């Protein structure tokens, strides 16, 4: 591998990792916790107990603003992949589970401004 390619790859890796360098959460964790919320987010009805458990786990896991921003980006990115997602419904889940969410997620949400 040439030095130029190696330096380019290392620089790209550093940029990617530095964007969430202080976050203690991973998008995979967020996804696992919130996957049980998809039926409510797409079909409505009742919020599943496992969804609320995931919301509570996520809120308990926030250590800093970087964690909240990472979670916001993750939810925003993953929600965009779900057909028939209703953003009004997904933004109601925290209240329905008795657990305040530190951000609202819409396609237009600027997750970099989440505190």
PDB file of N, CA and C in Angstrom:
ATOM      1  N   UNK A   1       0.860  -1.179   0.000  1.00  0.00           N
ATOM      2  CA  UNK A   1       0.000   0.000   0.000  1.00  0.00           C
ATOM      3  C   UNK A   1       0.900   1.233   0.000  1.00  0.00           C
ATOM      4  N   UNK A   2       0.617   2.180  -0.842  1.00  0.00           N
ATOM      5  CA  UNK A   2       1.453   3.375  -0.913  1.00  0.00           C
ATOM      6  C   UNK A   2       1.227   4.254   0.311  1.00  0.00           C
ATOM      7  N   UNK A   3       2.188   5.090   0.588  1.00  0.00           N
ATOM      8  CA  UNK A   3       2.103   5.991   1.746  1.00  0.00           C
ATOM      9  C   UNK A   3       0.929   6.956   1.604  1.00  0.00           C
ATOM     10  N   UNK A   4       0.658   7.411   0.384  1.00  0.00           N
ATOM     11  CA  UNK A   4      -0.443   8.355   0.156  1.00  0.00           C
ATOM     12  C   UNK A   4      -1.783   7.696   0.491  1.00  0.00           C
ATOM     13  N   UNK A   5      -1.968   6.452   0.035  1.00  0.00           N
ATOM     14  CA  UNK A   5      -3.209   5.733   0.315  1.00  0.00           C
ATOM     15  C   UNK A   5      -3.330   5.478   1.810  1.00  0.00           C
ATOM     16  N   UNK A   6      -2.255   5.049   2.439  1.00  0.00           N
ATOM     17  CA  UNK A   6      -2.264   4.776   3.871  1.00  0.00           C
ATOM     18  C   UNK A   6      -2.613   6.026   4.670  1.00  0.00           C
ATOM     19  N   UNK A   7      -2.017   7.141   4.330  1.00  0.00           N
ATOM     20  CA  UNK A   7      -2.308   8.406   5.024  1.00  0.00           C
ATOM     21  C   UNK A   7      -3.762   8.816   4.800  1.00  0.00           C
ATOM     22  N   UNK A   8      -4.264   8.635   3.580  1.00  0.00           N
ATOM     23  CA  UNK A   8      -5.658   8.971   3.282  1.00  0.00           C
ATOM     24  C   UNK A   8      -6.615   8.133   4.112  1.00  0.00           C
ATOM     25  N   UNK A   9      -6.343   6.826   4.200  1.00  0.00           N
ATOM     26  CA  UNK A   9      -7.194   5.933   4.979  1.00  0.00           C
ATOM     27  C   UNK A   9      -7.138   6.309   6.461  1.00  0.00           C
ATOM     28  N   UNK A  10      -5.954   6.568   6.973  1.00  0.00           N
ATOM     29  CA  UNK A  10      -5.815   6.940   8.390  1.00  0.00           C
ATOM     30  C   UNK A  10      -6.541   8.251   8.684  1.00  0.00           C
ATOM     31  N   UNK A  11      -6.437   9.218   7.790  1.00  0.00           N
ATOM     32  CA  UNK A  11      -7.119  10.500   7.968  1.00  0.00           C
ATOM     33  C   UNK A  11      -8.630  10.313   7.972  1.00  0.00           C
ATOM     34  N   UNK A  12      -9.139   9.520   7.055  1.00  0.00           N
ATOM     35  CA  UNK A  12     -10.584   9.255   7.005  1.00  0.00           C
ATOM     36  C   UNK A  12     -11.053   8.592   8.295  1.00  0.00           C
ATOM     37  N   UNK A  13     -10.309   7.623   8.785  1.00  0.00           N
ATOM     38  CA  UNK A  13     -10.677   6.946  10.038  1.00  0.00           C
ATOM     39  C   UNK A  13     -10.680   7.920  11.215  1.00  0.00           C
ATOM     40  N   UNK A  14      -9.692   8.801  11.260  1.00  0.00           N
ATOM     41  CA  UNK A  14      -9.638   9.772  12.353  1.00  0.00           C
ATOM     42  C   UNK A  14     -10.815  10.733  12.288  1.00  0.00           C
ATOM     43  N   UNK A  15     -11.186  11.175  11.098  1.00  0.00           N
ATOM     44  CA  UNK A  15     -12.317  12.088  10.957  1.00  0.00           C
ATOM     45  C   UNK A  15     -13.614  11.421  11.376  1.00  0.00           C
ATOM     46  N   UNK A  16     -13.803  10.178  10.966  1.00  0.00           N
ATOM     47  CA  UNK A  16     -15.020   9.454  11.330  1.00  0.00           C
ATOM     48  C   UNK A  16     -15.086   9.238  12.827  1.00  0.00           C
ATOM     49  N   UNK A  17     -14.003   8.798  13.433  1.00  0.00           N
ATOM     50  CA  UNK A  17     -14.029   8.514  14.868  1.00  0.00           C
ATOM     51  C   UNK A  17     -14.093   9.785  15.694  1.00  0.00           C
ATOM     52  N   UNK A  18     -13.548  10.884  15.212  1.00  0.00           N
ATOM     53  CA  UNK A  18     -13.566  12.115  16.000  1.00  0.00           C
ATOM     54  C   UNK A  18     -14.933  12.773  16.026  1.00  0.00           C
ATOM     55  N   UNK A  19     -15.795  12.456  15.052  1.00  0.00           N
ATOM     56  CA  UNK A  19     -17.101  13.095  15.035  1.00  0.00           C
ATOM     57  C   UNK A  19     -17.936  12.679  16.243  1.00  0.00           C
ATOM     58  N   UNK A  20     -17.687  11.505  16.790  1.00  0.00           N
ATOM     59  CA  UNK A  20     -18.387  11.055  17.991  1.00  0.00           C
ATOM     60  C   UNK A  20     -17.375  10.588  19.028  1.00  0.00           C
ATOM     61  N   UNK A  21     -16.230  11.242  19.077  1.00  0.00           N
ATOM     62  CA  UNK A  21     -15.129  10.807  19.911  1.00  0.00           C
ATOM     63  C   UNK A  21     -15.433  10.721  21.390  1.00  0.00           C
ATOM     64  N   UNK A  22     -16.325  11.547  21.903  1.00  0.00           N
ATOM     65  CA  UNK A  22     -16.594  11.565  23.334  1.00  0.00           C
ATOM     66  C   UNK A  22     -17.848  10.780  23.697  1.00  0.00           C
ATOM     67  N   UNK A  23     -18.548  10.271  22.708  1.00  0.00           N
ATOM     68  CA  UNK A  23     -19.769   9.519  22.979  1.00  0.00           C
ATOM     69  C   UNK A  23     -19.423   8.169  23.589  1.00  0.00           C
ATOM     70  N   UNK A  24     -20.226   7.757  24.560  1.00  0.00           N
ATOM     71  CA  UNK A  24     -20.035   6.447  25.180  1.00  0.00           C
ATOM     72  C   UNK A  24     -21.031   5.431  24.625  1.00  0.00           C
ATOM     73  N   UNK A  25     -22.054   5.914  23.935  1.00  0.00           N
ATOM     74  CA  UNK A  25     -23.047   5.034  23.314  1.00  0.00           C
ATOM     75  C   UNK A  25     -22.621   4.673  21.902  1.00  0.00           C
ATOM     76  N   UNK A  26     -23.230   3.628  21.381  1.00  0.00           N
ATOM     77  CA  UNK A  26     -23.056   3.299  19.967  1.00  0.00           C
ATOM     78  C   UNK A  26     -24.434   3.305  19.314  1.00  0.00           C
ATOM     79  N   UNK A  27     -24.442   3.491  18.015  1.00  0.00           N
ATOM     80  CA  UNK A  27     -25.708   3.461  17.290  1.00  0.00           C
ATOM     81  C   UNK A  27     -26.335   2.063  17.385  1.00  0.00           C
ATOM     82  N   UNK A  28     -25.500   1.050  17.449  1.00  0.00           N
ATOM     83  CA  UNK A  28     -26.021  -0.315  17.582  1.00  0.00           C
ATOM     84  C   UNK A  28     -26.803  -0.480  18.884  1.00  0.00           C
ATOM     85  N   UNK A  29     -26.283   0.090  19.988  1.00  0.00           N
ATOM     86  CA  UNK A  29     -27.006   0.026  21.262  1.00  0.00           C
ATOM     87  C   UNK A  29     -28.345   0.738  21.156  1.00  0.00           C
ATOM     88  N   UNK A  30     -28.329   1.925  20.590  1.00  0.00           N
ATOM     89  CA  UNK A  30     -29.552   2.717  20.441  1.00  0.00           C
ATOM     90  C   UNK A  30     -30.568   1.939  19.608  1.00  0.00           C
ATOM     91  N   UNK A  31     -30.114   1.347  18.528  1.00  0.00           N
ATOM     92  CA  UNK A  31     -30.996   0.587  17.642  1.00  0.00           C
ATOM     93  C   UNK A  31     -31.613  -0.603  18.360  1.00  0.00           C
ATOM     94  N   UNK A  32     -30.816  -1.332  19.108  1.00  0.00           N
ATOM     95  CA  UNK A  32     -31.331  -2.493  19.854  1.00  0.00           C
ATOM     96  C   UNK A  32     -32.392  -2.055  20.850  1.00  0.00           C
ATOM     97  N   UNK A  33     -32.120  -0.979  21.577  1.00  0.00           N
ATOM     98  CA  UNK A  33     -33.082  -0.518  22.589  1.00  0.00           C
ATOM     99  C   UNK A  33     -34.387  -0.031  21.968  1.00  0.00           C
ATOM    100  N   UNK A  34     -34.303   0.617  20.806  1.00  0.00           N
ATOM    101  CA  UNK A  34     -35.497   1.257  20.251  1.00  0.00           C
ATOM    102  C   UNK A  34     -36.207   0.460  19.161  1.00  0.00           C
ATOM    103  N   UNK A  35     -35.651  -0.643  18.724  1.00  0.00           N
ATOM    104  CA  UNK A  35     -36.317  -1.462  17.705  1.00  0.00           C
ATOM    105  C   UNK A  35     -37.731  -1.870  18.121  1.00  0.00           C
ATOM    106  N   UNK A  36     -37.994  -2.201  19.389  1.00  0.00           N
ATOM    107  CA  UNK A  36     -39.365  -2.553  19.773  1.00  0.00           C
ATOM    108  C   UNK A  36     -40.366  -1.395  19.622  1.00  0.00           C
ATOM    109  N   UNK A  37     -39.884  -0.201  19.341  1.00  0.00           N
ATOM    110  CA  UNK A  37     -40.763   0.959  19.161  1.00  0.00           C
ATOM    111  C   UNK A  37     -41.263   1.099  17.721  1.00  0.00           C
ATOM    112  N   UNK A  38     -40.693   0.336  16.804  1.00  0.00           N
ATOM    113  CA  UNK A  38     -41.052   0.476  15.389  1.00  0.00           C
ATOM    114  C   UNK A  38     -42.538   0.219  15.132  1.00  0.00           C
ATOM    115  N   UNK A  39     -43.147  -0.832  15.722  1.00  0.00           N
ATOM    116  CA  UNK A  39     -44.575  -1.035  15.437  1.00  0.00           C
ATOM    117  C   UNK A  39     -45.439   0.175  15.789  1.00  0.00           C
ATOM    118  N   UNK A  40     -45.167   0.815  16.929  1.00  0.00           N
ATOM    119  CA  UNK A  40     -45.936   2.007  17.285  1.00  0.00           C
ATOM    120  C   UNK A  40     -45.629   3.148  16.308  1.00  0.00           C
ATOM    121  N   UNK A  41     -44.373   3.292  15.933  1.00  0.00           N
ATOM    122  CA  UNK A  41     -43.970   4.369  15.035  1.00  0.00           C
ATOM    123  C   UNK A  41     -44.536   4.245  13.635  1.00  0.00           C
ATOM    124  N   UNK A  42     -44.902   3.037  13.240  1.00  0.00           N
ATOM    125  CA  UNK A  42     -45.446   2.850  11.896  1.00  0.00           C
ATOM    126  C   UNK A  42     -46.948   2.596  11.892  1.00  0.00           C
ATOM    127  N   UNK A  43     -47.437   1.870  12.884  1.00  0.00           N
ATOM    128  CA  UNK A  43     -48.844   1.450  12.876  1.00  0.00           C
ATOM    129  C   UNK A  43     -49.708   2.109  13.939  1.00  0.00           C
ATOM    130  N   UNK A  44     -49.069   2.677  14.956  1.00  0.00           N
ATOM    131  CA  UNK A  44     -49.846   3.253  16.053  1.00  0.00           C
ATOM    132  C   UNK A  44     -50.254   2.165  17.032  1.00  0.00           C
ATOM    133  N   UNK A  45     -51.398   2.353  17.677  1.00  0.00           N
ATOM    134  CA  UNK A  45     -51.850   1.376  18.675  1.00  0.00           C
ATOM    135  C   UNK A  45     -51.212   1.653  20.014  1.00  0.00           C
ATOM    136  N   UNK A  46     -50.808   0.604  20.689  1.00  0.00           N
ATOM    137  CA  UNK A  46     -50.189   0.725  22.013  1.00  0.00           C
ATOM    138  C   UNK A  46     -48.671   0.625  21.895  1.00  0.00           C
ATOM    139  N   UNK A  47     -48.005   1.347  22.773  1.00  0.00           N
ATOM    140  CA  UNK A  47     -46.554   1.254  22.849  1.00  0.00           C
ATOM    141  C   UNK A  47     -46.213  -0.017  23.616  1.00  0.00           C
ATOM    142  N   UNK A  48     -45.354  -0.841  23.049  1.00  0.00           N
ATOM    143  CA  UNK A  48     -44.973  -2.101  23.685  1.00  0.00           C
ATOM    144  C   UNK A  48     -44.136  -1.848  24.935  1.00  0.00           C
ATOM    145  N   UNK A  49     -44.301  -2.673  25.971  1.00  0.00           N
ATOM    146  CA  UNK A  49     -43.473  -2.529  27.177  1.00  0.00           C
ATOM    147  C   UNK A  49     -41.973  -2.583  26.875  1.00  0.00           C
ATOM    148  N   UNK A  50     -41.566  -3.424  25.917  1.00  0.00           N
ATOM    149  CA  UNK A  50     -40.145  -3.484  25.566  1.00  0.00           C
ATOM    150  C   UNK A  50     -39.655  -2.172  24.955  1.00  0.00           C
ATOM    151  N   UNK A  51     -40.533  -1.468  24.257  1.00  0.00           N
ATOM    152  CA  UNK A  51     -40.186  -0.153  23.719  1.00  0.00           C
ATOM    153  C   UNK A  51     -39.890   0.797  24.873  1.00  0.00           C
ATOM    154  N   UNK A  52     -40.790   0.850  25.842  1.00  0.00           N
ATOM    155  CA  UNK A  52     -40.587   1.748  26.990  1.00  0.00           C
ATOM    156  C   UNK A  52     -39.342   1.363  27.781  1.00  0.00           C
ATOM    157  N   UNK A  53     -39.096   0.079  27.903  1.00  0.00           N
ATOM    158  CA  UNK A  53     -37.887  -0.369  28.590  1.00  0.00           C
ATOM    159  C   UNK A  53     -36.652   0.142  27.845  1.00  0.00           C
ATOM    160  N   UNK A  54     -36.689   0.084  26.523  1.00  0.00           N
ATOM    161  CA  UNK A  54     -35.577   0.584  25.723  1.00  0.00           C
ATOM    162  C   UNK A  54     -35.389   2.081  25.860  1.00  0.00           C
ATOM    163  N   UNK A  55     -36.502   2.832  25.882  1.00  0.00           N
ATOM    164  CA  UNK A  55     -36.431   4.286  26.057  1.00  0.00           C
ATOM    165  C   UNK A  55     -35.810   4.621  27.408  1.00  0.00           C
ATOM    166  N   UNK A  56     -36.238   3.909  28.453  1.00  0.00           N
ATOM    167  CA  UNK A  56     -35.674   4.151  29.792  1.00  0.00           C
ATOM    168  C   UNK A  56     -34.183   3.790  29.818  1.00  0.00           C
ATOM    169  N   UNK A  57     -33.824   2.684  29.182  1.00  0.00           N
ATOM    170  CA  UNK A  57     -32.403   2.284  29.130  1.00  0.00           C
ATOM    171  C   UNK A  57     -31.567   3.327  28.405  1.00  0.00           C
ATOM    172  N   UNK A  58     -32.093   3.821  27.296  1.00  0.00           N
ATOM    173  CA  UNK A  58     -31.370   4.846  26.543  1.00  0.00           C
ATOM    174  C   UNK A  58     -31.189   6.103  27.381  1.00  0.00           C
ATOM    175  N   UNK A  59     -32.246   6.578  28.004  1.00  0.00           N
ATOM    176  CA  UNK A  59     -32.137   7.793  28.815  1.00  0.00           C
ATOM    177  C   UNK A  59     -31.175   7.611  29.981  1.00  0.00           C
ATOM    178  N   UNK A  60     -31.133   6.424  30.550  1.00  0.00           N
ATOM    179  CA  UNK A  60     -30.207   6.157  31.653  1.00  0.00           C
ATOM    180  C   UNK A  60     -28.759   6.086  31.169  1.00  0.00           C
ATOM    181  N   UNK A  61     -28.564   5.779  29.894  1.00  0.00           N
ATOM    182  CA  UNK A  61     -27.217   5.598  29.357  1.00  0.00           C
ATOM    183  C   UNK A  61     -26.547   6.899  28.927  1.00  0.00           C
ATOM    184  N   UNK A  62     -27.330   7.984  28.783  1.00  0.00           N
ATOM    185  CA  UNK A  62     -26.721   9.252  28.373  1.00  0.00           C
ATOM    186  C   UNK A  62     -25.729   9.718  29.422  1.00  0.00           C
ATOM    187  N   UNK A  63     -24.489   9.938  29.004  1.00  0.00           N
ATOM    188  CA  UNK A  63     -23.463  10.447  29.925  1.00  0.00           C
ATOM    189  C   UNK A  63     -23.131  11.904  29.628  1.00  0.00           C
ATOM    190  N   UNK A  64     -23.401  12.332  28.377  1.00  0.00           N
ATOM    191  CA  UNK A  64     -23.022  13.687  27.986  1.00  0.00           C
ATOM    192  C   UNK A  64     -23.762  14.079  26.709  1.00  0.00           C
ATOM    193  N   UNK A  65     -23.533  15.295  26.276  1.00  0.00           N
ATOM    194  CA  UNK A  65     -24.178  15.796  25.068  1.00  0.00           C
ATOM    195  C   UNK A  65     -23.791  15.012  23.822  1.00  0.00           C
ATOM    196  N   UNK A  66     -22.563  14.492  23.802  1.00  0.00           N
ATOM    197  CA  UNK A  66     -22.148  13.689  22.651  1.00  0.00           C
ATOM    198  C   UNK A  66     -23.011  12.432  22.523  1.00  0.00           C
ATOM    199  N   UNK A  67     -23.359  11.833  23.658  1.00  0.00           N
ATOM    200  CA  UNK A  67     -24.248  10.664  23.626  1.00  0.00           C
ATOM    201  C   UNK A  67     -25.618  11.037  23.070  1.00  0.00           C
ATOM    202  N   UNK A  68     -26.146  12.173  23.508  1.00  0.00           N
ATOM    203  CA  UNK A  68     -27.460  12.605  23.025  1.00  0.00           C
ATOM    204  C   UNK A  68     -27.421  12.934  21.529  1.00  0.00           C
ATOM    205  N   UNK A  69     -26.359  13.577  21.087  1.00  0.00           N
ATOM    206  CA  UNK A  69     -26.231  13.888  19.658  1.00  0.00           C
ATOM    207  C   UNK A  69     -26.091  12.611  18.827  1.00  0.00           C
ATOM    208  N   UNK A  70     -25.294  11.663  19.306  1.00  0.00           N
ATOM    209  CA  UNK A  70     -25.140  10.393  18.601  1.00  0.00           C
ATOM    210  C   UNK A  70     -26.493   9.690  18.506  1.00  0.00           C
ATOM    211  N   UNK A  71     -27.236   9.632  19.621  1.00  0.00           N
ATOM    212  CA  UNK A  71     -28.542   8.980  19.608  1.00  0.00           C
ATOM    213  C   UNK A  71     -29.489   9.679  18.645  1.00  0.00           C
ATOM    214  N   UNK A  72     -29.479  10.990  18.626  1.00  0.00           N
ATOM    215  CA  UNK A  72     -30.328  11.751  17.720  1.00  0.00           C
ATOM    216  C   UNK A  72     -30.008  11.407  16.275  1.00  0.00           C
ATOM    217  N   UNK A  73     -28.730  11.440  15.920  1.00  0.00           N
ATOM    218  CA  UNK A  73     -28.326  11.094  14.550  1.00  0.00           C
ATOM    219  C   UNK A  73     -28.729   9.661  14.218  1.00  0.00           C
ATOM    220  N   UNK A  74     -28.517   8.769  15.151  1.00  0.00           N
ATOM    221  CA  UNK A  74     -28.827   7.363  14.923  1.00  0.00           C
ATOM    222  C   UNK A  74     -30.322   7.166  14.682  1.00  0.00           C
ATOM    223  N   UNK A  75     -31.147   7.714  15.565  1.00  0.00           N
ATOM    224  CA  UNK A  75     -32.604   7.576  15.418  1.00  0.00           C
ATOM    225  C   UNK A  75     -33.051   8.229  14.110  1.00  0.00           C
ATOM    226  N   UNK A  76     -32.524   9.386  13.817  1.00  0.00           N
ATOM    227  CA  UNK A  76     -32.892  10.097  12.593  1.00  0.00           C
ATOM    228  C   UNK A  76     -32.515   9.275  11.353  1.00  0.00           C
ATOM    229  N   UNK A  77     -31.305   8.749  11.337  1.00  0.00           N
ATOM    230  CA  UNK A  77     -30.847   7.966  10.187  1.00  0.00           C
ATOM    231  C   UNK A  77     -31.629   6.673  10.038  1.00  0.00           C
ATOM    232  N   UNK A  78     -31.855   5.975  11.148  1.00  0.00           N
ATOM    233  CA  UNK A  78     -32.566   4.689  11.095  1.00  0.00           C
ATOM    234  C   UNK A  78     -34.046   4.885  10.772  1.00  0.00           C
ATOM    235  N   UNK A  79     -34.654   5.925  11.324  1.00  0.00           N
ATOM    236  CA  UNK A  79     -36.080   6.185  11.063  1.00  0.00           C
ATOM    237  C   UNK A  79     -36.313   6.458   9.584  1.00  0.00           C
ATOM    238  N   UNK A  80     -35.371   7.129   8.944  1.00  0.00           N
ATOM    239  CA  UNK A  80     -35.521   7.451   7.522  1.00  0.00           C
ATOM    240  C   UNK A  80     -35.569   6.191   6.657  1.00  0.00           C
ATOM    241  N   UNK A  81     -35.091   5.079   7.174  1.00  0.00           N
ATOM    242  CA  UNK A  81     -35.076   3.823   6.429  1.00  0.00           C
ATOM    243  C   UNK A  81     -36.350   2.998   6.603  1.00  0.00           C
ATOM    244  N   UNK A  82     -37.217   3.428   7.520  1.00  0.00           N
ATOM    245  CA  UNK A  82     -38.413   2.649   7.842  1.00  0.00           C
ATOM    246  C   UNK A  82     -39.600   3.165   7.039  1.00  0.00           C
ATOM    247  N   UNK A  83     -40.147   2.316   6.159  1.00  0.00           N
ATOM    248  CA  UNK A  83     -41.334   2.744   5.401  1.00  0.00           C
ATOM    249  C   UNK A  83     -42.492   3.054   6.353  1.00  0.00           C
ATOM    250  N   UNK A  84     -43.263   4.059   6.033  1.00  0.00           N
ATOM    251  CA  UNK A  84     -44.470   4.454   6.781  1.00  0.00           C
ATOM    252  C   UNK A  84     -44.201   4.987   8.180  1.00  0.00           C
ATOM    253  N   UNK A  85     -42.965   5.408   8.466  1.00  0.00           N
ATOM    254  CA  UNK A  85     -42.681   5.956   9.790  1.00  0.00           C
ATOM    255  C   UNK A  85     -43.460   7.253   9.978  1.00  0.00           C
ATOM    256  N   UNK A  86     -44.021   7.406  11.152  1.00  0.00           N
ATOM    257  CA  UNK A  86     -44.792   8.597  11.489  1.00  0.00           C
ATOM    258  C   UNK A  86     -44.007   9.350  12.567  1.00  0.00           C
ATOM    259  N   UNK A  87     -43.407  10.463  12.189  1.00  0.00           N
ATOM    260  CA  UNK A  87     -42.546  11.202  13.118  1.00  0.00           C
ATOM    261  C   UNK A  87     -43.317  11.770  14.300  1.00  0.00           C
ATOM    262  N   UNK A  88     -44.576  12.095  14.107  1.00  0.00           N
ATOM    263  CA  UNK A  88     -45.383  12.565  15.241  1.00  0.00           C
ATOM    264  C   UNK A  88     -45.487  11.458  16.281  1.00  0.00           C
ATOM    265  N   UNK A  89     -45.736  10.243  15.820  1.00  0.00           N
ATOM    266  CA  UNK A  89     -45.831   9.107  16.753  1.00  0.00           C
ATOM    267  C   UNK A  89     -44.508   8.839  17.459  1.00  0.00           C
ATOM    268  N   UNK A  90     -43.401   8.823  16.700  1.00  0.00           N
ATOM    269  CA  UNK A  90     -42.146   8.493  17.377  1.00  0.00           C
ATOM    270  C   UNK A  90     -41.748   9.568  18.384  1.00  0.00           C
ATOM    271  N   UNK A  91     -42.172  10.792  18.154  1.00  0.00           N
ATOM    272  CA  UNK A  91     -41.871  11.853  19.116  1.00  0.00           C
ATOM    273  C   UNK A  91     -42.799  11.835  20.319  1.00  0.00           C
ATOM    274  N   UNK A  92     -43.841  11.029  20.297  1.00  0.00           N
ATOM    275  CA  UNK A  92     -44.740  10.865  21.444  1.00  0.00           C
ATOM    276  C   UNK A  92     -44.281   9.751  22.377  1.00  0.00           C
ATOM    277  N   UNK A  93     -43.415   8.892  21.905  1.00  0.00           N
ATOM    278  CA  UNK A  93     -43.058   7.681  22.649  1.00  0.00           C
ATOM    279  C   UNK A  93     -42.481   7.998  24.023  1.00  0.00           C
ATOM    280  N   UNK A  94     -41.568   8.964  24.101  1.00  0.00           N
ATOM    281  CA  UNK A  94     -40.984   9.304  25.408  1.00  0.00           C
ATOM    282  C   UNK A  94     -42.051   9.662  26.427  1.00  0.00           C
ATOM    283  N   UNK A  95     -42.986  10.526  26.036  1.00  0.00           N
ATOM    284  CA  UNK A  95     -44.061  10.920  26.951  1.00  0.00           C
ATOM    285  C   UNK A  95     -44.953   9.731  27.305  1.00  0.00           C
ATOM    286  N   UNK A  96     -45.267   8.901  26.319  1.00  0.00           N
ATOM    287  CA  UNK A  96     -46.117   7.742  26.575  1.00  0.00           C
ATOM    288  C   UNK A  96     -45.452   6.730  27.505  1.00  0.00           C
ATOM    289  N   UNK A  97     -44.129   6.722  27.489  1.00  0.00           N
ATOM    290  CA  UNK A  97     -43.370   5.811  28.356  1.00  0.00           C
ATOM    291  C   UNK A  97     -42.987   6.467  29.686  1.00  0.00           C
ATOM    292  N   UNK A  98     -43.359   7.738  29.856  1.00  0.00           N
ATOM    293  CA  UNK A  98     -43.022   8.441  31.098  1.00  0.00           C
ATOM    294  C   UNK A  98     -41.536   8.748  31.206  1.00  0.00           C
ATOM    295  N   UNK A  99     -40.893   8.967  30.087  1.00  0.00           N
ATOM    296  CA  UNK A  99     -39.457   9.226  30.065  1.00  0.00           C
ATOM    297  C   UNK A  99     -39.179  10.320  29.049  1.00  0.00           C
ATOM    298  N   UNK A 100     -38.789  11.470  29.518  1.00  0.00           N
ATOM    299  CA  UNK A 100     -38.589  12.626  28.645  1.00  0.00           C
ATOM    300  C   UNK A 100     -37.414  12.390  27.696  1.00  0.00           C
ATOM    301  N   UNK A 101     -37.636  12.679  26.426  1.00  0.00           N
ATOM    302  CA  UNK A 101     -36.581  12.567  25.419  1.00  0.00           C
ATOM    303  C   UNK A 101     -35.922  13.946  25.268  1.00  0.00           C
ATOM    304  N   UNK A 102     -34.588  13.993  25.224  1.00  0.00           N
ATOM    305  CA  UNK A 102     -33.909  15.294  25.144  1.00  0.00           C
ATOM    306  C   UNK A 102     -33.936  15.939  23.749  1.00  0.00           C
ATOM    307  N   UNK A 103     -34.597  15.308  22.791  1.00  0.00           N
ATOM    308  CA  UNK A 103     -34.677  15.875  21.448  1.00  0.00           C
ATOM    309  C   UNK A 103     -35.904  15.336  20.731  1.00  0.00           C
ATOM    310  N   UNK A 104     -36.351  16.069  19.726  1.00  0.00           N
ATOM    311  CA  UNK A 104     -37.417  15.620  18.829  1.00  0.00           C
ATOM    312  C   UNK A 104     -36.748  15.235  17.517  1.00  0.00           C
ATOM    313  N   UNK A 105     -37.207  14.158  16.922  1.00  0.00           N
ATOM    314  CA  UNK A 105     -36.595  13.683  15.689  1.00  0.00           C
ATOM    315  C   UNK A 105     -37.535  13.876  14.512  1.00  0.00           C
ATOM    316  N   UNK A 106     -37.062  14.621  13.560  1.00  0.00           N
ATOM    317  CA  UNK A 106     -37.711  14.822  12.266  1.00  0.00           C
ATOM    318  C   UNK A 106     -36.599  14.761  11.221  1.00  0.00           C
ATOM    319  N   UNK A 107     -36.932  14.586   9.964  1.00  0.00           N
ATOM    320  CA  UNK A 107     -35.873  14.613   8.945  1.00  0.00           C
ATOM    321  C   UNK A 107     -35.078  15.919   8.963  1.00  0.00           C
ATOM    322  N   UNK A 108     -35.705  16.995   9.390  1.00  0.00           N
ATOM    323  CA  UNK A 108     -35.053  18.312   9.392  1.00  0.00           C
ATOM    324  C   UNK A 108     -34.341  18.649  10.700  1.00  0.00           C
ATOM    325  N   UNK A 109     -34.401  17.780  11.704  1.00  0.00           N
ATOM    326  CA  UNK A 109     -33.765  18.048  12.987  1.00  0.00           C
ATOM    327  C   UNK A 109     -32.252  18.184  12.807  1.00  0.00           C
ATOM    328  N   UNK A 110     -31.689  19.235  13.398  1.00  0.00           N
ATOM    329  CA  UNK A 110     -30.234  19.413  13.389  1.00  0.00           C
ATOM    330  C   UNK A 110     -29.684  18.780  14.673  1.00  0.00           C
ATOM    331  N   UNK A 111     -29.334  17.517  14.580  1.00  0.00           N
ATOM    332  CA  UNK A 111     -28.876  16.787  15.763  1.00  0.00           C
ATOM    333  C   UNK A 111     -27.584  17.338  16.344  1.00  0.00           C
ATOM    334  N   UNK A 112     -26.822  18.076  15.557  1.00  0.00           N
ATOM    335  CA  UNK A 112     -25.580  18.664  16.066  1.00  0.00           C
ATOM    336  C   UNK A 112     -25.858  19.764  17.097  1.00  0.00           C
ATOM    337  N   UNK A 113     -27.101  20.259  17.155  1.00  0.00           N
ATOM    338  CA  UNK A 113     -27.460  21.307  18.118  1.00  0.00           C
ATOM    339  C   UNK A 113     -28.062  20.743  19.400  1.00  0.00           C
ATOM    340  N   UNK A 114     -28.225  19.415  19.489  1.00  0.00           N
ATOM    341  CA  UNK A 114     -28.764  18.795  20.707  1.00  0.00           C
ATOM    342  C   UNK A 114     -27.752  18.974  21.818  1.00  0.00           C
ATOM    343  N   UNK A 115     -28.242  19.365  22.983  1.00  0.00           N
ATOM    344  CA  UNK A 115     -27.348  19.606  24.131  1.00  0.00           C
ATOM    345  C   UNK A 115     -27.222  18.404  25.027  1.00  0.00           C
TER     346      UNK A 115
END
